[in-house]
Amino acid sequence: MQGGQYILMGVPGTELDAKTAAIIREVQPAGFILFGRNIKAPAQLRKLIDDLRGEVRHVPVVTIDQEGGRVSRLKECGSEPPSAKQLREKGDLRLIERHGALTGEILRLFGFNLNLAPVVDVSFNGDLDNSLKNRTWGLTSDEVSLNAGAFNRTMREQGILSCGKHFPGYSYAAVDPHHELPVVARSRRELEETEWKAFQALASELDSMMVGHANYPSLDDSGYPSSLSRKIIHDILRIEWGYQGVVISDDLDMGAIVGHYGLGESVTRAVEAGNDLVLLCHRPELIPEAAKALETISASRAAEVEKQIAHFREKLDPPHAFSTEAHAALDKKIYQLRVDTLGAEAAASRSIDDGKRSPVETF
């Protein structure tokens, strides 16, 4: 298996430059993740995605974080959907279902086929500054299961695959992993009774699962974070839970990882631990080095990943035909959802980042 086939890579700008195109042709990554830095106008975004697709010899995974609220990359060229917190507080499941359907429609129009959503973490304490603020679907595991499940089902009906995050649970992370590696001092029993319930309830409906970056001493006392831990990914998620979907590491360019591990070690350990795909979002110039390191993955693990990715690819739907008129019509519906959730006056003001800034908006 070619090393690039484990990688979902970020690209630098709003157009595909010659240097990045050459890297893509050489490495043949599994796919791409886009951010606000890649988006300035609807037609520009669709062209960028079409150009990226044209550089690989397979059907690529094309993904983005389009949750709602402040983590809505597409607000760079359109309306901001309401956040999970705003929708859960409104308390109307029909609005959440509309949000899922509209999210799926607009992503398909641009050429995406996977959304890195829904967040399945529980918001036990909304004051924790750990990147989850306003992004969670409930204050209890049952509320998360109900609301995230409704969003997930209607989005998937539009041909967009989903990704539950951040296993095994970020709720009690006291620091933001974009900056540093959190330690989650929860016992296994506490995780089983609370954080894990929503993940387990939705697991069969989640096409993929994202593993976050945190230390969980009760689950793995080796010191490795969850994203690099075979005990957590292979032993718990795969073997104990029997999870069948694709497993994706959170961005290995985050401070929680780059501050502690070299590139080659982080990517190979992530895959050997049980991740099928690794996110490398912000340093495209290092993708060839990562791909070369990934050629050392054991033959047995490579065979497992190849089977997973082949099955995943079979589920990827092609883009819808694009037009600026189609985008404008969808964007109008998204803004109306915002009005119906928040009221006309509040809808006119977009999300602001309150408290210490997390790079989650730009990462």
Protein backbone atom coordinates (compact mmCIF):
# COMPACT_ATOMS: atom_id res chain seq x y z
CA MET A 1 0.00 0.00 0.00
CA GLN A 2 1.44 3.37 -1.05
CA GLY A 3 2.26 5.62 1.91
CA GLY A 4 0.06 8.46 0.67
CA GLN A 5 -3.06 6.30 0.81
CA TYR A 6 -3.19 6.75 4.60
CA ILE A 7 -3.16 10.57 4.39
CA LEU A 8 -5.87 13.22 4.29
CA MET A 9 -3.90 16.37 3.52
CA GLY A 10 -4.54 20.09 3.76
CA VAL A 11 -3.68 22.45 0.91
CA PRO A 12 -2.40 26.02 1.26
CA GLY A 13 -4.62 28.47 -0.65
CA THR A 14 -7.71 29.23 -2.71
CA GLU A 15 -6.14 27.87 -5.91
CA LEU A 16 -4.16 24.72 -6.56
CA ASP A 17 -0.58 25.91 -7.02
CA ALA A 18 2.00 24.00 -9.08
CA LYS A 19 4.10 22.93 -6.09
CA THR A 20 1.15 21.43 -4.21
CA ALA A 21 -0.15 19.79 -7.39
CA ALA A 22 3.24 18.12 -7.88
CA ILE A 23 3.19 16.80 -4.30
CA ILE A 24 -0.31 15.39 -4.82
CA ARG A 25 0.65 13.67 -8.09
CA GLU A 26 3.69 12.12 -6.40
CA VAL A 27 2.09 11.06 -3.12
CA GLN A 28 -1.46 10.18 -4.31
CA PRO A 29 -3.07 10.92 -0.91
CA ALA A 30 -6.30 9.26 0.15
CA GLY A 31 -7.92 12.67 0.06
CA PHE A 32 -8.06 16.27 1.13
CA ILE A 33 -9.33 18.46 3.96
CA LEU A 34 -10.23 22.09 3.31
CA PHE A 35 -10.38 25.07 5.68
CA GLY A 36 -11.45 28.69 5.68
CA ARG A 37 -8.11 29.59 4.11
CA ASN A 38 -9.19 27.68 1.00
CA ILE A 39 -12.52 29.44 0.55
CA LYS A 40 -13.38 32.87 -0.85
CA ALA A 41 -16.30 32.34 -3.27
CA PRO A 42 -18.66 29.50 -4.21
CA ALA A 43 -17.44 28.96 -7.79
CA GLN A 44 -13.80 29.24 -6.65
CA LEU A 45 -14.31 26.53 -4.02
CA ARG A 46 -15.91 24.10 -6.48
CA LYS A 47 -13.08 24.69 -8.97
CA LEU A 48 -10.46 24.03 -6.29
CA ILE A 49 -12.14 20.74 -5.37
CA ASP A 50 -12.47 19.72 -9.03
CA ASP A 51 -8.78 20.53 -9.55
CA LEU A 52 -7.78 18.45 -6.52
CA ARG A 53 -9.83 15.52 -7.76
CA GLY A 54 -8.07 15.77 -11.10
CA GLU A 55 -4.62 15.15 -9.58
CA VAL A 56 -5.33 11.69 -8.11
CA ARG A 57 -5.91 8.37 -9.84
CA HIS A 58 -8.69 7.27 -7.49
CA VAL A 59 -11.88 8.69 -6.00
CA PRO A 60 -10.56 10.89 -3.18
CA VAL A 61 -12.10 11.56 0.20
CA VAL A 62 -12.86 15.32 0.24
CA THR A 63 -13.67 16.54 3.71
CA ILE A 64 -14.24 19.64 5.84
CA ASP A 65 -15.46 20.65 9.32
CA GLN A 66 -19.00 21.94 8.75
CA GLU A 67 -20.65 21.63 12.15
CA GLY A 68 -22.55 24.90 12.47
CA GLY A 69 -21.79 28.06 14.43
CA ARG A 70 -18.15 29.10 14.67
CA VAL A 71 -16.92 25.81 13.19
CA SER A 72 -18.53 26.33 9.79
CA ARG A 73 -15.88 26.66 7.12
CA LEU A 74 -18.44 27.48 4.43
CA LYS A 75 -19.42 30.72 6.16
CA GLU A 76 -16.42 32.16 4.29
CA CYS A 77 -18.60 32.19 1.18
CA GLY A 78 -22.14 32.09 2.59
CA SER A 79 -24.38 32.02 5.64
CA GLU A 80 -23.40 30.63 9.03
CA PRO A 81 -25.68 27.80 10.15
CA PRO A 82 -26.74 27.79 13.80
CA SER A 83 -24.46 25.98 16.22
CA ALA A 84 -25.20 22.69 17.96
CA LYS A 85 -25.68 24.60 21.23
CA GLN A 86 -28.14 27.04 19.66
CA LEU A 87 -30.13 24.23 18.09
CA ARG A 88 -30.20 22.08 21.22
CA GLU A 89 -31.36 25.07 23.29
CA LYS A 90 -34.14 25.79 20.79
CA GLY A 91 -35.30 22.24 21.42
CA ASP A 92 -36.95 21.53 18.06
CA LEU A 93 -35.74 18.29 16.50
CA ARG A 94 -37.17 19.32 13.14
CA LEU A 95 -34.74 22.24 12.97
CA ILE A 96 -31.83 19.88 13.69
CA GLU A 97 -33.02 17.58 10.92
CA ARG A 98 -33.20 20.55 8.55
CA HIS A 99 -29.68 21.52 9.55
CA GLY A 100 -28.40 18.03 8.75
CA ALA A 101 -30.17 17.91 5.38
CA LEU A 102 -29.02 21.39 4.33
CA THR A 103 -25.48 20.63 5.44
CA GLY A 104 -25.48 17.51 3.31
CA GLU A 105 -26.94 19.31 0.30
CA ILE A 106 -24.48 22.18 0.28
CA LEU A 107 -21.47 19.94 0.87
CA ARG A 108 -22.51 17.69 -2.01
CA LEU A 109 -22.95 20.75 -4.25
CA PHE A 110 -19.35 21.80 -3.63
CA GLY A 111 -17.95 18.29 -4.15
CA PHE A 112 -17.32 17.15 -0.59
CA ASN A 113 -18.19 13.57 0.36
CA LEU A 114 -17.30 13.44 4.08
CA ASN A 115 -18.12 15.88 6.87
CA LEU A 116 -16.02 15.75 10.04
CA ALA A 117 -19.19 15.90 12.13
CA PRO A 118 -21.13 15.37 14.31
CA VAL A 119 -19.41 16.17 17.59
CA VAL A 120 -20.50 13.38 19.95
CA ASP A 121 -18.88 14.78 23.09
CA VAL A 122 -21.15 15.68 26.00
CA SER A 123 -21.08 19.21 27.41
CA PHE A 124 -20.82 18.57 31.14
CA ASN A 125 -19.26 21.93 31.83
CA GLY A 126 -19.68 24.66 29.22
CA ASP A 127 -16.99 26.76 30.90
CA LEU A 128 -14.11 24.40 30.16
CA ASP A 129 -11.81 26.10 27.65
CA ASN A 130 -11.04 22.97 25.68
CA SER A 131 -12.22 23.85 22.13
CA LEU A 132 -15.71 22.33 22.56
CA LYS A 133 -17.54 25.50 23.58
CA ASN A 134 -20.92 25.79 21.77
CA ARG A 135 -20.14 22.72 19.65
CA THR A 136 -21.86 19.94 21.63
CA TRP A 137 -25.31 18.53 21.04
CA GLY A 138 -26.30 17.98 24.66
CA LEU A 139 -25.68 18.21 28.38
CA THR A 140 -26.32 14.47 28.79
CA SER A 141 -25.40 11.45 26.71
CA ASP A 142 -29.07 10.82 25.90
CA GLU A 143 -29.50 14.38 24.62
CA VAL A 144 -26.36 14.05 22.48
CA SER A 145 -27.57 10.72 21.07
CA LEU A 146 -30.95 12.21 20.13
CA ASN A 147 -29.73 15.47 18.60
CA ALA A 148 -26.47 14.35 16.98
CA GLY A 149 -28.30 11.30 15.68
CA ALA A 150 -30.96 13.45 14.01
CA PHE A 151 -28.32 15.66 12.35
CA ASN A 152 -26.29 12.64 11.29
CA ARG A 153 -29.17 10.75 9.67
CA THR A 154 -30.50 13.62 7.55
CA MET A 155 -27.00 14.63 6.44
CA ARG A 156 -26.17 11.09 5.37
CA GLU A 157 -29.44 10.90 3.41
CA GLN A 158 -27.97 13.61 1.16
CA GLY A 159 -24.96 11.44 0.27
CA ILE A 160 -22.42 12.88 2.71
CA LEU A 161 -20.59 10.47 5.01
CA SER A 162 -20.19 11.32 8.68
CA CYS A 163 -17.49 11.27 11.34
CA GLY A 164 -18.19 11.10 15.07
CA LYS A 165 -15.71 12.98 17.21
CA HIS A 166 -13.71 13.10 19.48
CA PHE A 167 -13.38 9.50 20.74
CA PRO A 168 -12.83 8.53 23.55
CA GLY A 169 -14.29 11.85 24.80
CA TYR A 170 -12.92 15.39 25.15
CA SER A 171 -15.53 16.62 27.62
CA TYR A 172 -13.19 16.79 30.60
CA ALA A 173 -10.09 17.94 28.73
CA ALA A 174 -8.90 21.02 30.61
CA VAL A 175 -6.72 22.42 27.82
CA ASP A 176 -7.13 22.80 24.07
CA PRO A 177 -5.26 20.09 22.10
CA HIS A 178 -4.65 22.60 19.30
CA HIS A 179 -2.11 24.03 21.75
CA GLU A 180 -1.08 21.27 24.16
CA LEU A 181 -1.83 17.67 25.09
CA PRO A 182 -4.68 17.39 27.64
CA VAL A 183 -4.88 14.78 30.37
CA VAL A 184 -8.37 13.39 30.97
CA ALA A 185 -8.39 11.99 34.51
CA ARG A 186 -11.59 9.98 34.17
CA SER A 187 -11.87 6.39 35.32
CA ARG A 188 -12.95 3.79 32.81
CA ARG A 189 -16.18 3.34 34.73
CA GLU A 190 -16.92 7.08 34.51
CA LEU A 191 -16.29 7.04 30.76
CA GLU A 192 -18.53 3.99 30.32
CA GLU A 193 -21.36 5.58 32.32
CA THR A 194 -21.28 8.96 30.58
CA GLU A 195 -19.05 9.96 27.63
CA TRP A 196 -19.10 6.59 25.87
CA LYS A 197 -22.86 6.10 25.87
CA ALA A 198 -23.50 8.51 23.00
CA PHE A 199 -20.58 7.17 20.94
CA GLN A 200 -21.85 3.61 21.39
CA ALA A 201 -25.46 4.55 20.68
CA LEU A 202 -24.51 6.13 17.34
CA ALA A 203 -21.54 3.94 16.35
CA SER A 204 -23.43 1.85 13.79
CA GLU A 205 -24.62 5.05 12.03
CA LEU A 206 -21.24 6.79 11.94
CA ASP A 207 -19.27 6.12 8.76
CA SER A 208 -16.06 7.07 10.50
CA MET A 209 -14.80 7.92 13.96
CA MET A 210 -12.20 10.54 14.81
CA VAL A 211 -9.78 9.83 17.63
CA GLY A 212 -8.79 12.92 19.58
CA HIS A 213 -5.49 13.86 21.21
CA ALA A 214 -5.48 13.40 24.98
CA ASN A 215 -3.90 11.21 27.62
CA TYR A 216 -6.31 8.84 29.38
CA PRO A 217 -4.22 7.24 32.16
CA SER A 218 -7.07 4.89 33.13
CA LEU A 219 -7.17 3.45 29.59
CA ASP A 220 -3.47 3.47 28.66
CA ASP A 221 -0.74 4.12 31.20
CA SER A 222 2.03 4.11 28.57
CA GLY A 223 1.92 7.89 28.18
CA TYR A 224 0.81 7.77 24.56
CA PRO A 225 -2.17 9.97 23.66
CA SER A 226 -5.38 8.34 22.51
CA SER A 227 -4.65 9.08 18.84
CA LEU A 228 -1.45 7.01 19.05
CA SER A 229 -2.68 4.36 21.49
CA ARG A 230 -3.30 0.81 20.26
CA LYS A 231 -4.93 -0.04 23.59
CA ILE A 232 -7.56 2.65 23.03
CA ILE A 233 -8.13 2.39 19.25
CA HIS A 234 -7.56 -1.29 18.46
CA ASP A 235 -8.36 -2.93 21.77
CA ILE A 236 -11.35 -0.81 22.86
CA LEU A 237 -12.89 0.76 19.74
CA ARG A 238 -12.26 -2.13 17.32
CA ILE A 239 -12.23 -5.27 19.45
CA GLU A 240 -14.42 -4.48 22.47
CA TRP A 241 -16.94 -2.26 20.69
CA GLY A 242 -16.70 -4.02 17.33
CA TYR A 243 -16.66 -0.71 15.46
CA GLN A 244 -16.69 -1.38 11.71
CA GLY A 245 -16.20 2.10 10.21
CA VAL A 246 -13.06 3.97 9.23
CA VAL A 247 -10.97 5.40 12.07
CA ILE A 248 -9.37 8.82 11.48
CA SER A 249 -6.77 10.53 13.65
CA ASP A 250 -7.40 14.14 14.56
CA ASP A 251 -4.93 16.54 12.95
CA LEU A 252 -1.38 15.35 13.65
CA ASP A 253 -0.21 18.93 13.00
CA MET A 254 -1.77 20.06 16.31
CA GLY A 255 0.39 21.26 19.17
CA ALA A 256 -0.65 18.25 21.27
CA ILE A 257 1.33 16.03 18.88
CA VAL A 258 4.03 18.13 17.18
CA GLY A 259 5.21 19.31 20.59
CA HIS A 260 6.01 15.73 21.60
CA TYR A 261 6.60 13.54 18.53
CA GLY A 262 8.43 13.73 15.23
CA LEU A 263 6.45 13.47 12.00
CA GLY A 264 7.54 9.96 11.04
CA GLU A 265 6.90 8.57 14.52
CA SER A 266 3.49 10.19 14.86
CA VAL A 267 2.09 9.03 11.51
CA THR A 268 3.38 5.46 11.71
CA ARG A 269 2.38 5.02 15.34
CA ALA A 270 -1.08 6.42 14.54
CA VAL A 271 -1.69 3.85 11.81
CA GLU A 272 -0.20 0.91 13.72
CA ALA A 273 -2.41 1.91 16.67
CA GLY A 274 -5.53 1.50 14.53
CA ASN A 275 -6.15 4.72 12.61
CA ASP A 276 -6.93 3.99 8.95
CA LEU A 277 -6.44 7.60 7.87
CA VAL A 278 -4.34 10.39 9.38
CA LEU A 279 -5.06 14.09 9.07
CA LEU A 280 -2.10 16.31 8.19
CA CYS A 281 -3.68 19.69 7.71
CA HIS A 282 -1.18 22.53 7.77
CA ARG A 283 2.22 21.56 6.36
CA PRO A 284 1.72 20.20 2.85
CA GLU A 285 5.44 20.46 2.15
CA LEU A 286 5.97 17.62 4.65
CA ILE A 287 3.47 15.23 3.06
CA PRO A 288 6.14 13.39 1.00
CA GLU A 289 8.15 12.75 4.17
CA ALA A 290 5.06 11.43 5.94
CA ALA A 291 4.16 9.21 2.99
CA LYS A 292 7.66 7.73 2.93
CA ALA A 293 7.48 6.95 6.65
CA LEU A 294 4.11 5.25 6.15
CA GLU A 295 5.60 2.82 3.65
CA THR A 296 7.08 1.04 6.69
CA ILE A 297 3.66 0.03 8.07
CA SER A 298 3.49 -3.71 8.73
CA ALA A 299 2.03 -5.82 5.92
CA SER A 300 -0.81 -7.12 8.10
CA ARG A 301 -1.87 -3.64 9.16
CA ALA A 302 -1.57 -2.33 5.59
CA ALA A 303 -3.90 -5.08 4.40
CA GLU A 304 -6.47 -4.15 7.05
CA VAL A 305 -6.37 -0.48 6.07
CA GLU A 306 -6.57 -1.24 2.36
CA LYS A 307 -9.76 -3.22 2.92
CA GLN A 308 -11.27 -0.46 5.09
CA ILE A 309 -10.49 2.31 2.62
CA ALA A 310 -11.77 0.30 -0.35
CA HIS A 311 -15.10 -0.26 1.41
CA PHE A 312 -15.26 3.41 2.44
CA ARG A 313 -14.61 4.52 -1.13
CA GLU A 314 -17.51 2.43 -2.38
CA LYS A 315 -19.80 4.60 -0.25
CA LEU A 316 -18.54 7.94 -1.62
CA ASP A 317 -21.15 9.71 -3.76
CA PRO A 318 -20.18 11.99 -6.67
CA PRO A 319 -20.75 15.76 -6.51
CA HIS A 320 -23.96 17.36 -7.72
CA ALA A 321 -23.77 19.67 -10.72
CA PHE A 322 -22.70 23.11 -9.53
CA SER A 323 -24.23 26.48 -10.31
CA THR A 324 -24.11 29.79 -8.48
CA GLU A 325 -27.94 29.79 -8.62
CA ALA A 326 -28.12 26.44 -6.84
CA HIS A 327 -25.71 27.71 -4.19
CA ALA A 328 -27.70 30.93 -3.69
CA ALA A 329 -30.92 28.97 -3.21
CA LEU A 330 -29.35 26.67 -0.62
CA ASP A 331 -27.65 29.56 1.15
CA LYS A 332 -31.01 31.29 1.48
CA LYS A 333 -32.45 28.17 3.14
CA ILE A 334 -29.51 28.02 5.56
CA TYR A 335 -30.04 31.63 6.57
CA GLN A 336 -33.76 30.96 7.07
CA LEU A 337 -32.83 28.05 9.36
CA ARG A 338 -30.70 30.52 11.30
CA VAL A 339 -33.64 32.92 11.59
CA ASP A 340 -36.01 30.13 12.64
CA THR A 341 -33.56 29.03 15.33
CA LEU A 342 -32.38 32.39 16.69
CA GLY A 343 -34.93 34.96 15.60
CA ALA A 344 -34.35 37.63 12.95
CA GLU A 345 -32.39 40.04 15.14
CA ALA A 346 -29.97 37.50 16.62
CA ALA A 347 -29.55 35.78 13.27
CA ALA A 348 -28.04 38.94 11.82
CA SER A 349 -24.99 38.65 14.13
CA ARG A 350 -22.49 35.89 13.47
CA SER A 351 -20.67 33.90 16.15
CA ILE A 352 -17.93 35.65 18.06
CA ASP A 353 -15.07 33.91 19.78
CA ASP A 354 -15.45 34.60 23.49
CA GLY A 355 -12.73 33.78 25.95
CA LYS A 356 -9.25 32.58 25.08
CA ARG A 357 -9.06 32.05 21.34
CA SER A 358 -8.84 28.47 20.16
CA PRO A 359 -7.43 27.87 16.70
CA VAL A 360 -10.45 25.60 16.13
CA GLU A 361 -11.88 28.27 13.82
CA THR A 362 -8.82 28.25 11.60
CA PHE A 363 -7.46 24.75 12.21
